[in-house]
C-alpha atoms as a PDB file:
ATOM      1  CA  UNK A   1       0.000   0.000   0.000  1.00  0.00           C
ATOM      2  CA  UNK A   2       2.844   2.389   0.797  1.00  0.00           C
ATOM      3  CA  UNK A   3       4.124   2.286  -2.776  1.00  0.00           C
ATOM      4  CA  UNK A   4       0.907   3.847  -4.118  1.00  0.00           C
ATOM      5  CA  UNK A   5       0.489   6.670  -1.571  1.00  0.00           C
ATOM      6  CA  UNK A   6       2.095   9.315  -3.796  1.00  0.00           C
ATOM      7  CA  UNK A   7      -0.167   8.284  -6.676  1.00  0.00           C
ATOM      8  CA  UNK A   8      -3.224   8.391  -4.418  1.00  0.00           C
ATOM      9  CA  UNK A   9      -2.273  11.938  -3.389  1.00  0.00           C
ATOM     10  CA  UNK A  10      -1.939  12.891  -7.058  1.00  0.00           C
ATOM     11  CA  UNK A  11      -5.347  11.391  -7.914  1.00  0.00           C
ATOM     12  CA  UNK A  12      -6.895  13.217  -4.955  1.00  0.00           C
ATOM     13  CA  UNK A  13      -5.322  16.546  -5.960  1.00  0.00           C
ATOM     14  CA  UNK A  14      -6.680  16.061  -9.498  1.00  0.00           C
ATOM     15  CA  UNK A  15     -10.179  15.479  -8.098  1.00  0.00           C
ATOM     16  CA  UNK A  16     -10.393  11.973  -9.551  1.00  0.00           C
ATOM     17  CA  UNK A  17     -12.487   9.195  -8.110  1.00  0.00           C
ATOM     18  CA  UNK A  18     -10.491   6.057  -7.378  1.00  0.00           C
ATOM     19  CA  UNK A  19     -11.183   2.369  -6.874  1.00  0.00           C
ATOM     20  CA  UNK A  20      -8.832   0.477  -4.598  1.00  0.00           C
ATOM     21  CA  UNK A  21      -8.137  -3.221  -5.197  1.00  0.00           C
ATOM     22  CA  UNK A  22      -6.434  -5.222  -2.451  1.00  0.00           C
ATOM     23  CA  UNK A  23      -5.359  -8.821  -2.136  1.00  0.00           C
ATOM     24  CA  UNK A  24      -7.294 -10.066   0.889  1.00  0.00           C
ATOM     25  CA  UNK A  25      -6.438 -13.743   0.619  1.00  0.00           C
ATOM     26  CA  UNK A  26      -4.190 -16.208  -1.163  1.00  0.00           C
ATOM     27  CA  UNK A  27      -4.593 -19.957  -1.322  1.00  0.00           C
ATOM     28  CA  UNK A  28      -1.629 -21.982  -2.492  1.00  0.00           C
ATOM     29  CA  UNK A  29       1.023 -20.227  -4.542  1.00  0.00           C
ATOM     30  CA  UNK A  30       0.291 -16.612  -5.393  1.00  0.00           C
ATOM     31  CA  UNK A  31       2.205 -13.810  -7.079  1.00  0.00           C
ATOM     32  CA  UNK A  32       1.538 -11.229  -4.314  1.00  0.00           C
ATOM     33  CA  UNK A  33       0.789 -11.478  -0.600  1.00  0.00           C
ATOM     34  CA  UNK A  34      -2.339 -10.219   1.157  1.00  0.00           C
ATOM     35  CA  UNK A  35      -2.173  -6.450   1.479  1.00  0.00           C
ATOM     36  CA  UNK A  36      -0.835  -5.850  -2.026  1.00  0.00           C
ATOM     37  CA  UNK A  37      -2.796  -2.959  -3.498  1.00  0.00           C
ATOM     38  CA  UNK A  38      -3.618  -1.313  -6.782  1.00  0.00           C
ATOM     39  CA  UNK A  39      -5.451   1.967  -7.360  1.00  0.00           C
ATOM     40  CA  UNK A  40      -7.393   2.705 -10.542  1.00  0.00           C
ATOM     41  CA  UNK A  41      -8.465   6.265 -11.287  1.00  0.00           C
ATOM     42  CA  UNK A  42     -11.663   7.068 -13.138  1.00  0.00           C
ATOM     43  CA  UNK A  43      -9.520   8.082 -16.118  1.00  0.00           C
ATOM     44  CA  UNK A  44      -8.035   4.574 -16.163  1.00  0.00           C
ATOM     45  CA  UNK A  45      -4.616   5.336 -14.702  1.00  0.00           C
ATOM     46  CA  UNK A  46      -3.224   2.479 -12.605  1.00  0.00           C
ATOM     47  CA  UNK A  47      -0.845   2.552  -9.644  1.00  0.00           C
ATOM     48  CA  UNK A  48       0.458  -0.515  -7.847  1.00  0.00           C
ATOM     49  CA  UNK A  49      -0.135  -4.190  -8.486  1.00  0.00           C
ATOM     50  CA  UNK A  50      -2.213  -7.022  -7.058  1.00  0.00           C
ATOM     51  CA  UNK A  51      -0.725  -9.845  -9.090  1.00  0.00           C
ATOM     52  CA  UNK A  52       2.523  -8.828 -10.706  1.00  0.00           C
ATOM     53  CA  UNK A  53       0.700  -8.539 -14.019  1.00  0.00           C
ATOM     54  CA  UNK A  54      -1.178 -11.804 -14.415  1.00  0.00           C
ATOM     55  CA  UNK A  55      -4.716 -10.602 -13.544  1.00  0.00           C
ATOM     56  CA  UNK A  56      -4.211  -6.843 -13.608  1.00  0.00           C
ATOM     57  CA  UNK A  57      -6.313  -6.282 -16.744  1.00  0.00           C
ATOM     58  CA  UNK A  58      -9.319  -8.082 -15.302  1.00  0.00           C
ATOM     59  CA  UNK A  59      -8.969  -6.172 -12.020  1.00  0.00           C
ATOM     60  CA  UNK A  60      -8.784  -2.816 -13.842  1.00  0.00           C
ATOM     61  CA  UNK A  61     -12.015  -3.668 -15.686  1.00  0.00           C
ATOM     62  CA  UNK A  62     -13.701  -4.575 -12.390  1.00  0.00           C
ATOM     63  CA  UNK A  63     -12.377  -1.403 -10.739  1.00  0.00           C
ATOM     64  CA  UNK A  64     -13.824   0.819 -13.461  1.00  0.00           C
ATOM     65  CA  UNK A  65     -17.180  -0.951 -13.038  1.00  0.00           C
ATOM     66  CA  UNK A  66     -16.986  -0.339  -9.273  1.00  0.00           C
ATOM     67  CA  UNK A  67     -16.503   3.356  -9.990  1.00  0.00           C
ATOM     68  CA  UNK A  68     -19.584   3.321 -12.230  1.00  0.00           C
ATOM     69  CA  UNK A  69     -21.968   1.570  -9.844  1.00  0.00           C
ATOM     70  CA  UNK A  70     -20.334   2.265  -6.473  1.00  0.00           C
ATOM     71  CA  UNK A  71     -20.706  -1.344  -5.350  1.00  0.00           C
ATOM     72  CA  UNK A  72     -17.660  -3.027  -3.779  1.00  0.00           C
ATOM     73  CA  UNK A  73     -16.987  -6.569  -4.917  1.00  0.00           C
ATOM     74  CA  UNK A  74     -14.849  -9.519  -3.960  1.00  0.00           C
ATOM     75  CA  UNK A  75     -13.395 -11.364  -6.932  1.00  0.00           C
ATOM     76  CA  UNK A  76     -11.569 -14.676  -6.910  1.00  0.00           C
ATOM     77  CA  UNK A  77      -9.051 -15.729  -9.525  1.00  0.00           C
ATOM     78  CA  UNK A  78      -7.796 -19.301  -9.427  1.00  0.00           C
ATOM     79  CA  UNK A  79      -5.859 -21.621 -11.659  1.00  0.00           C
ATOM     80  CA  UNK A  80      -8.901 -23.799 -12.318  1.00  0.00           C
ATOM     81  CA  UNK A  81     -10.991 -20.834 -13.458  1.00  0.00           C
ATOM     82  CA  UNK A  82     -11.062 -20.397 -17.227  1.00  0.00           C
ATOM     83  CA  UNK A  83     -10.900 -16.633 -16.726  1.00  0.00           C
ATOM     84  CA  UNK A  84      -7.828 -16.861 -14.493  1.00  0.00           C
ATOM     85  CA  UNK A  85      -5.988 -19.008 -17.026  1.00  0.00           C
ATOM     86  CA  UNK A  86      -7.032 -16.672 -19.841  1.00  0.00           C
ATOM     87  CA  UNK A  87      -5.601 -13.645 -18.024  1.00  0.00           C
ATOM     88  CA  UNK A  88      -2.409 -15.475 -17.105  1.00  0.00           C
ATOM     89  CA  UNK A  89      -2.768 -16.700 -13.507  1.00  0.00           C
ATOM     90  CA  UNK A  90      -0.779 -19.873 -13.969  1.00  0.00           C
ATOM     91  CA  UNK A  91       0.964 -19.946 -10.575  1.00  0.00           C
ATOM     92  CA  UNK A  92      -1.409 -22.643  -9.355  1.00  0.00           C
ATOM     93  CA  UNK A  93      -2.903 -20.622  -6.519  1.00  0.00           C
ATOM     94  CA  UNK A  94      -6.038 -18.621  -5.900  1.00  0.00           C
ATOM     95  CA  UNK A  95      -6.231 -14.860  -5.293  1.00  0.00           C
ATOM     96  CA  UNK A  96      -9.096 -13.149  -3.472  1.00  0.00           C
ATOM     97  CA  UNK A  97      -9.216  -9.468  -4.374  1.00  0.00           C
ATOM     98  CA  UNK A  98     -11.490  -6.858  -2.774  1.00  0.00           C
ATOM     99  CA  UNK A  99     -12.276  -3.934  -5.077  1.00  0.00           C
ATOM    100  CA  UNK A 100     -14.022  -0.901  -3.613  1.00  0.00           C
ATOM    101  CA  UNK A 101     -14.427   2.797  -4.244  1.00  0.00           C
ATOM    102  CA  UNK A 102     -11.993   4.872  -2.198  1.00  0.00           C
ATOM    103  CA  UNK A 103     -13.826   7.380  -0.035  1.00  0.00           C
ATOM    104  CA  UNK A 104     -11.624  10.445   0.300  1.00  0.00           C
END
C-alpha cells in the first residue's frame, strides 16, 4: 500500500475518483501477498499491483465498473478458473481481491 500513496495523493489533488483493489487472501502459490494494493483512477490510470501482471487487466475492468456503480466486490481468480488461465494466472494458486471505491 505504501508504494501507491504518492499516486493516491496525485489522484486526490486532481479530483479523480479512485477504486482500490487489495489482495485479501491467497490460497496456495500466489504472485503477491495479502495487502498488495492497486489503485485505478476514473480516467483509467493504474498505480500498484495485485498480481505482478497476471490478472491486472481483469482487475482494472472490475475497478472501473466499481466506480460506475459504487458497489464493492470480492473477486476470486484461481488456476482452475477459465478466466484466471485466460488472463495469465498460472501460478497454481487462488487470489481473493477486494475492489471498492476509495472514499476520500
